[in-house]
Amino acid sequence: MMKKLNLAFAALIIVAFIYSIYGKEQVIATGDVVYLKLEPVDPLSLMQGDYMRLGYEISSDTSEIETIPKGKTGYLVLNIGDNKIAKFARFDDGSPLTAKQIKFKYQRPDGGIVIMPNSFLFQQGLAELYAQAEFGIFRVTATEHLLVGLADGDLNKLKTPTAATN
């Protein structure tokens, strides 16, 4: 009996994991493209190899940060321009969004606000390529956002030499 219960529990975990992956794949496949201006920080991690710690310009675009209690999470409302670059509009207060607005989840640990993900991992030796990054490329739906790449100042996706030939 215990063996069957353990197998059922393991199967449930696997199904939940697959469902989560499927949800992320749907965001990538059907989500709208949005660009966030970057404030890159540190390009190296001894444990992870090369990576870029990311900050986003919209994190510092508001003077209202100090009114948000530390330890809180919530949503920013962002205006989407014709070029698909997102700009801070307001903190979400439950009022309806316009057709050119989206919500982005944020955290406020100790200092300012943090938008996830706050790092971008890449293959070792490509730091010079990703140092050109000026924008994060996101796929967004009404409920979720995923970082799918980095772009230069002209909104061209930065591609590795092998990815450029595919």
C-alpha atoms as a PDB file:
ATOM      1  CA  MET A   1       0.000   0.000   0.000  1.00  0.00           C
ATOM      2  CA  MET A   2       2.789   2.431   0.926  1.00  0.00           C
ATOM      3  CA  LYS A   3       4.613   1.654  -2.321  1.00  0.00           C
ATOM      4  CA  LYS A   4       1.505   2.546  -4.373  1.00  0.00           C
ATOM      5  CA  LEU A   5       1.075   5.763  -2.408  1.00  0.00           C
ATOM      6  CA  ASN A   6       4.711   6.731  -3.043  1.00  0.00           C
ATOM      7  CA  LEU A   7       4.340   5.978  -6.768  1.00  0.00           C
ATOM      8  CA  ALA A   8       1.147   8.049  -6.953  1.00  0.00           C
ATOM      9  CA  PHE A   9       2.868  10.934  -5.172  1.00  0.00           C
ATOM     10  CA  ALA A  10       5.875  10.736  -7.519  1.00  0.00           C
ATOM     11  CA  ALA A  11       3.557  10.680 -10.545  1.00  0.00           C
ATOM     12  CA  LEU A  12       1.719  13.738  -9.206  1.00  0.00           C
ATOM     13  CA  ILE A  13       5.004  15.634  -8.823  1.00  0.00           C
ATOM     14  CA  ILE A  14       6.053  14.720 -12.367  1.00  0.00           C
ATOM     15  CA  VAL A  15       2.693  15.844 -13.787  1.00  0.00           C
ATOM     16  CA  ALA A  16       2.934  19.161 -11.902  1.00  0.00           C
ATOM     17  CA  PHE A  17       6.477  19.675 -13.194  1.00  0.00           C
ATOM     18  CA  ILE A  18       5.460  18.947 -16.802  1.00  0.00           C
ATOM     19  CA  TYR A  19       2.443  21.264 -16.488  1.00  0.00           C
ATOM     20  CA  SER A  20       4.712  24.061 -15.228  1.00  0.00           C
ATOM     21  CA  ILE A  21       7.085  23.607 -18.175  1.00  0.00           C
ATOM     22  CA  TYR A  22       4.142  23.548 -20.582  1.00  0.00           C
ATOM     23  CA  GLY A  23       2.889  26.845 -19.115  1.00  0.00           C
ATOM     24  CA  LYS A  24       6.281  28.508 -19.633  1.00  0.00           C
ATOM     25  CA  GLU A  25       6.460  27.187 -23.203  1.00  0.00           C
ATOM     26  CA  GLN A  26       3.018  28.695 -23.874  1.00  0.00           C
ATOM     27  CA  VAL A  27       4.207  32.108 -22.626  1.00  0.00           C
ATOM     28  CA  ILE A  28       7.238  31.881 -24.937  1.00  0.00           C
ATOM     29  CA  ALA A  29       5.099  30.771 -27.901  1.00  0.00           C
ATOM     30  CA  THR A  30       2.152  33.139 -27.511  1.00  0.00           C
ATOM     31  CA  GLY A  31       3.291  36.000 -25.279  1.00  0.00           C
ATOM     32  CA  ASP A  32       3.784  39.521 -26.592  1.00  0.00           C
ATOM     33  CA  VAL A  33       7.350  40.817 -26.939  1.00  0.00           C
ATOM     34  CA  VAL A  34       8.261  43.666 -24.568  1.00  0.00           C
ATOM     35  CA  TYR A  35      11.650  45.322 -23.976  1.00  0.00           C
ATOM     36  CA  LEU A  36      12.897  46.626 -20.621  1.00  0.00           C
ATOM     37  CA  LYS A  37      15.879  48.995 -20.499  1.00  0.00           C
ATOM     38  CA  LEU A  38      18.741  47.387 -18.555  1.00  0.00           C
ATOM     39  CA  GLU A  39      21.124  48.580 -15.908  1.00  0.00           C
ATOM     40  CA  PRO A  40      23.690  45.711 -16.042  1.00  0.00           C
ATOM     41  CA  VAL A  41      25.798  45.157 -12.977  1.00  0.00           C
ATOM     42  CA  ASP A  42      28.303  42.282 -12.487  1.00  0.00           C
ATOM     43  CA  PRO A  43      29.447  39.977 -15.337  1.00  0.00           C
ATOM     44  CA  LEU A  44      31.057  37.058 -13.438  1.00  0.00           C
ATOM     45  CA  SER A  45      30.190  34.397 -10.884  1.00  0.00           C
ATOM     46  CA  LEU A  46      32.807  31.927  -9.669  1.00  0.00           C
ATOM     47  CA  MET A  47      30.221  29.195  -9.074  1.00  0.00           C
ATOM     48  CA  GLN A  48      28.060  29.733 -12.167  1.00  0.00           C
ATOM     49  CA  GLY A  49      30.566  30.875 -14.788  1.00  0.00           C
ATOM     50  CA  ASP A  50      29.752  33.928 -16.856  1.00  0.00           C
ATOM     51  CA  TYR A  51      26.542  35.726 -16.138  1.00  0.00           C
ATOM     52  CA  MET A  52      25.189  39.243 -16.083  1.00  0.00           C
ATOM     53  CA  ARG A  53      23.433  40.532 -13.012  1.00  0.00           C
ATOM     54  CA  LEU A  54      20.540  42.614 -14.267  1.00  0.00           C
ATOM     55  CA  GLY A  55      18.880  45.730 -13.004  1.00  0.00           C
ATOM     56  CA  TYR A  56      16.079  47.393 -14.893  1.00  0.00           C
ATOM     57  CA  GLU A  57      15.727  51.116 -15.473  1.00  0.00           C
ATOM     58  CA  ILE A  58      12.066  51.011 -14.446  1.00  0.00           C
ATOM     59  CA  SER A  59      13.181  49.912 -10.969  1.00  0.00           C
ATOM     60  CA  SER A  60      14.498  53.424 -10.390  1.00  0.00           C
ATOM     61  CA  ASP A  61      11.927  55.346 -12.481  1.00  0.00           C
ATOM     62  CA  THR A  62       9.594  56.031  -9.579  1.00  0.00           C
ATOM     63  CA  SER A  63       9.754  58.342  -6.598  1.00  0.00           C
ATOM     64  CA  GLU A  64       7.011  56.261  -4.939  1.00  0.00           C
ATOM     65  CA  ILE A  65       9.390  53.420  -3.953  1.00  0.00           C
ATOM     66  CA  GLU A  66       9.730  54.644  -0.375  1.00  0.00           C
ATOM     67  CA  THR A  67       5.954  54.379   0.128  1.00  0.00           C
ATOM     68  CA  ILE A  68       6.070  50.620  -0.539  1.00  0.00           C
ATOM     69  CA  PRO A  69       6.749  48.612   2.636  1.00  0.00           C
ATOM     70  CA  LYS A  70       9.941  46.529   2.653  1.00  0.00           C
ATOM     71  CA  GLY A  71       9.349  42.819   2.185  1.00  0.00           C
ATOM     72  CA  LYS A  72       6.303  43.435  -0.026  1.00  0.00           C
ATOM     73  CA  THR A  73       5.628  41.988  -3.451  1.00  0.00           C
ATOM     74  CA  GLY A  74       3.179  43.427  -5.930  1.00  0.00           C
ATOM     75  CA  TYR A  75       2.766  44.559  -9.506  1.00  0.00           C
ATOM     76  CA  LEU A  76       4.046  47.504 -11.503  1.00  0.00           C
ATOM     77  CA  VAL A  77       1.871  48.803 -14.312  1.00  0.00           C
ATOM     78  CA  LEU A  78       3.975  49.532 -17.386  1.00  0.00           C
ATOM     79  CA  ASN A  79       3.083  51.537 -20.486  1.00  0.00           C
ATOM     80  CA  ILE A  80       4.115  49.869 -23.756  1.00  0.00           C
ATOM     81  CA  GLY A  81       5.304  52.267 -26.455  1.00  0.00           C
ATOM     82  CA  ASP A  82       5.035  51.756 -30.207  1.00  0.00           C
ATOM     83  CA  ASN A  83       8.584  50.341 -30.150  1.00  0.00           C
ATOM     84  CA  LYS A  84       7.463  47.831 -27.458  1.00  0.00           C
ATOM     85  CA  ILE A  85       9.719  49.421 -24.827  1.00  0.00           C
ATOM     86  CA  ALA A  86       8.052  49.349 -21.399  1.00  0.00           C
ATOM     87  CA  LYS A  87       8.053  52.428 -19.142  1.00  0.00           C
ATOM     88  CA  PHE A  88       6.843  52.733 -15.547  1.00  0.00           C
ATOM     89  CA  ALA A  89       3.290  54.076 -15.252  1.00  0.00           C
ATOM     90  CA  ARG A  90       2.251  53.330 -11.652  1.00  0.00           C
ATOM     91  CA  PHE A  91       2.017  50.705  -8.962  1.00  0.00           C
ATOM     92  CA  ASP A  92      -0.986  48.432  -9.454  1.00  0.00           C
ATOM     93  CA  ASP A  93      -3.958  49.595  -7.424  1.00  0.00           C
ATOM     94  CA  GLY A  94      -6.508  47.260  -8.955  1.00  0.00           C
ATOM     95  CA  SER A  95      -7.801  49.755 -11.501  1.00  0.00           C
ATOM     96  CA  PRO A  96      -8.245  48.507 -15.080  1.00  0.00           C
ATOM     97  CA  LEU A  97      -5.360  48.507 -17.542  1.00  0.00           C
ATOM     98  CA  THR A  98      -5.478  50.184 -20.927  1.00  0.00           C
ATOM     99  CA  ALA A  99      -4.739  48.234 -24.116  1.00  0.00           C
ATOM    100  CA  LYS A 100      -1.141  49.537 -24.014  1.00  0.00           C
ATOM    101  CA  GLN A 101      -0.429  48.529 -20.391  1.00  0.00           C
ATOM    102  CA  ILE A 102       0.830  45.349 -18.740  1.00  0.00           C
ATOM    103  CA  LYS A 103       1.594  44.242 -15.191  1.00  0.00           C
ATOM    104  CA  PHE A 104       5.034  43.094 -14.038  1.00  0.00           C
ATOM    105  CA  LYS A 105       5.563  41.427 -10.666  1.00  0.00           C
ATOM    106  CA  TYR A 106       8.116  43.049  -8.363  1.00  0.00           C
ATOM    107  CA  GLN A 107       9.686  42.385  -4.968  1.00  0.00           C
ATOM    108  CA  ARG A 108      10.921  44.946  -2.480  1.00  0.00           C
ATOM    109  CA  PRO A 109      13.452  43.189  -0.234  1.00  0.00           C
ATOM    110  CA  ASP A 110      15.446  45.942   1.514  1.00  0.00           C
ATOM    111  CA  GLY A 111      16.329  48.755  -0.864  1.00  0.00           C
ATOM    112  CA  GLY A 112      14.599  49.520  -4.142  1.00  0.00           C
ATOM    113  CA  ILE A 113      12.311  47.288  -6.108  1.00  0.00           C
ATOM    114  CA  VAL A 114      13.570  44.141  -7.832  1.00  0.00           C
ATOM    115  CA  ILE A 115      12.152  42.697 -11.024  1.00  0.00           C
ATOM    116  CA  MET A 116      12.918  39.061 -11.688  1.00  0.00           C
ATOM    117  CA  PRO A 117      14.901  37.594 -13.189  1.00  0.00           C
ATOM    118  CA  ASN A 118      17.819  39.642 -11.977  1.00  0.00           C
ATOM    119  CA  SER A 119      20.515  37.619 -13.750  1.00  0.00           C
ATOM    120  CA  PHE A 120      21.202  36.201 -17.192  1.00  0.00           C
ATOM    121  CA  LEU A 121      23.458  33.143 -17.539  1.00  0.00           C
ATOM    122  CA  PHE A 122      25.429  32.599 -20.719  1.00  0.00           C
ATOM    123  CA  GLN A 123      28.163  30.372 -22.111  1.00  0.00           C
ATOM    124  CA  GLN A 124      31.640  31.094 -20.806  1.00  0.00           C
ATOM    125  CA  GLY A 125      33.659  33.349 -23.091  1.00  0.00           C
ATOM    126  CA  LEU A 126      30.695  35.366 -24.391  1.00  0.00           C
ATOM    127  CA  ALA A 127      30.931  38.229 -21.882  1.00  0.00           C
ATOM    128  CA  GLU A 128      32.080  40.635 -24.608  1.00  0.00           C
ATOM    129  CA  LEU A 129      28.974  39.885 -26.699  1.00  0.00           C
ATOM    130  CA  TYR A 130      26.542  40.324 -23.809  1.00  0.00           C
ATOM    131  CA  ALA A 131      28.301  43.471 -22.565  1.00  0.00           C
ATOM    132  CA  GLN A 132      26.512  45.178 -25.494  1.00  0.00           C
ATOM    133  CA  ALA A 133      23.112  44.412 -23.937  1.00  0.00           C
ATOM    134  CA  GLU A 134      20.906  47.436 -23.371  1.00  0.00           C
ATOM    135  CA  PHE A 135      17.500  45.759 -23.173  1.00  0.00           C
ATOM    136  CA  GLY A 136      15.960  42.614 -21.737  1.00  0.00           C
ATOM    137  CA  ILE A 137      13.596  40.857 -24.143  1.00  0.00           C
ATOM    138  CA  PHE A 138      10.501  39.519 -22.395  1.00  0.00           C
ATOM    139  CA  ARG A 139       7.526  37.483 -23.510  1.00  0.00           C
ATOM    140  CA  VAL A 140       4.477  38.552 -21.526  1.00  0.00           C
ATOM    141  CA  THR A 141       0.917  37.391 -20.980  1.00  0.00           C
ATOM    142  CA  ALA A 142      -1.729  38.834 -18.680  1.00  0.00           C
ATOM    143  CA  THR A 143      -0.349  36.830 -15.759  1.00  0.00           C
ATOM    144  CA  GLU A 144       3.330  36.138 -16.417  1.00  0.00           C
ATOM    145  CA  HIS A 145       6.571  37.467 -17.887  1.00  0.00           C
ATOM    146  CA  LEU A 146       9.675  35.542 -18.984  1.00  0.00           C
ATOM    147  CA  LEU A 147      13.093  36.861 -19.967  1.00  0.00           C
ATOM    148  CA  VAL A 148      13.884  35.247 -23.338  1.00  0.00           C
ATOM    149  CA  GLY A 149      17.011  37.140 -24.375  1.00  0.00           C
ATOM    150  CA  LEU A 150      19.003  40.361 -24.408  1.00  0.00           C
ATOM    151  CA  ALA A 151      19.069  43.037 -27.104  1.00  0.00           C
ATOM    152  CA  ASP A 152      21.396  45.836 -28.175  1.00  0.00           C
ATOM    153  CA  GLY A 153      20.454  49.525 -28.347  1.00  0.00           C
ATOM    154  CA  ASP A 154      18.676  48.980 -31.690  1.00  0.00           C
ATOM    155  CA  LEU A 155      16.522  46.195 -30.166  1.00  0.00           C
ATOM    156  CA  ASN A 156      18.369  43.483 -32.114  1.00  0.00           C
ATOM    157  CA  LYS A 157      18.560  40.225 -30.172  1.00  0.00           C
ATOM    158  CA  LEU A 158      22.130  39.349 -29.190  1.00  0.00           C
ATOM    159  CA  LYS A 159      22.930  35.926 -30.618  1.00  0.00           C
ATOM    160  CA  THR A 160      25.847  33.625 -29.980  1.00  0.00           C
ATOM    161  CA  PRO A 161      27.965  32.752 -33.036  1.00  0.00           C
ATOM    162  CA  THR A 162      26.412  29.256 -33.209  1.00  0.00           C
ATOM    163  CA  ALA A 163      22.862  30.611 -32.774  1.00  0.00           C
ATOM    164  CA  ALA A 164      23.430  33.153 -35.551  1.00  0.00           C
ATOM    165  CA  THR A 165      24.070  30.396 -38.105  1.00  0.00           C
ATOM    166  CA  ASN A 166      20.928  28.414 -37.176  1.00  0.00           C
END
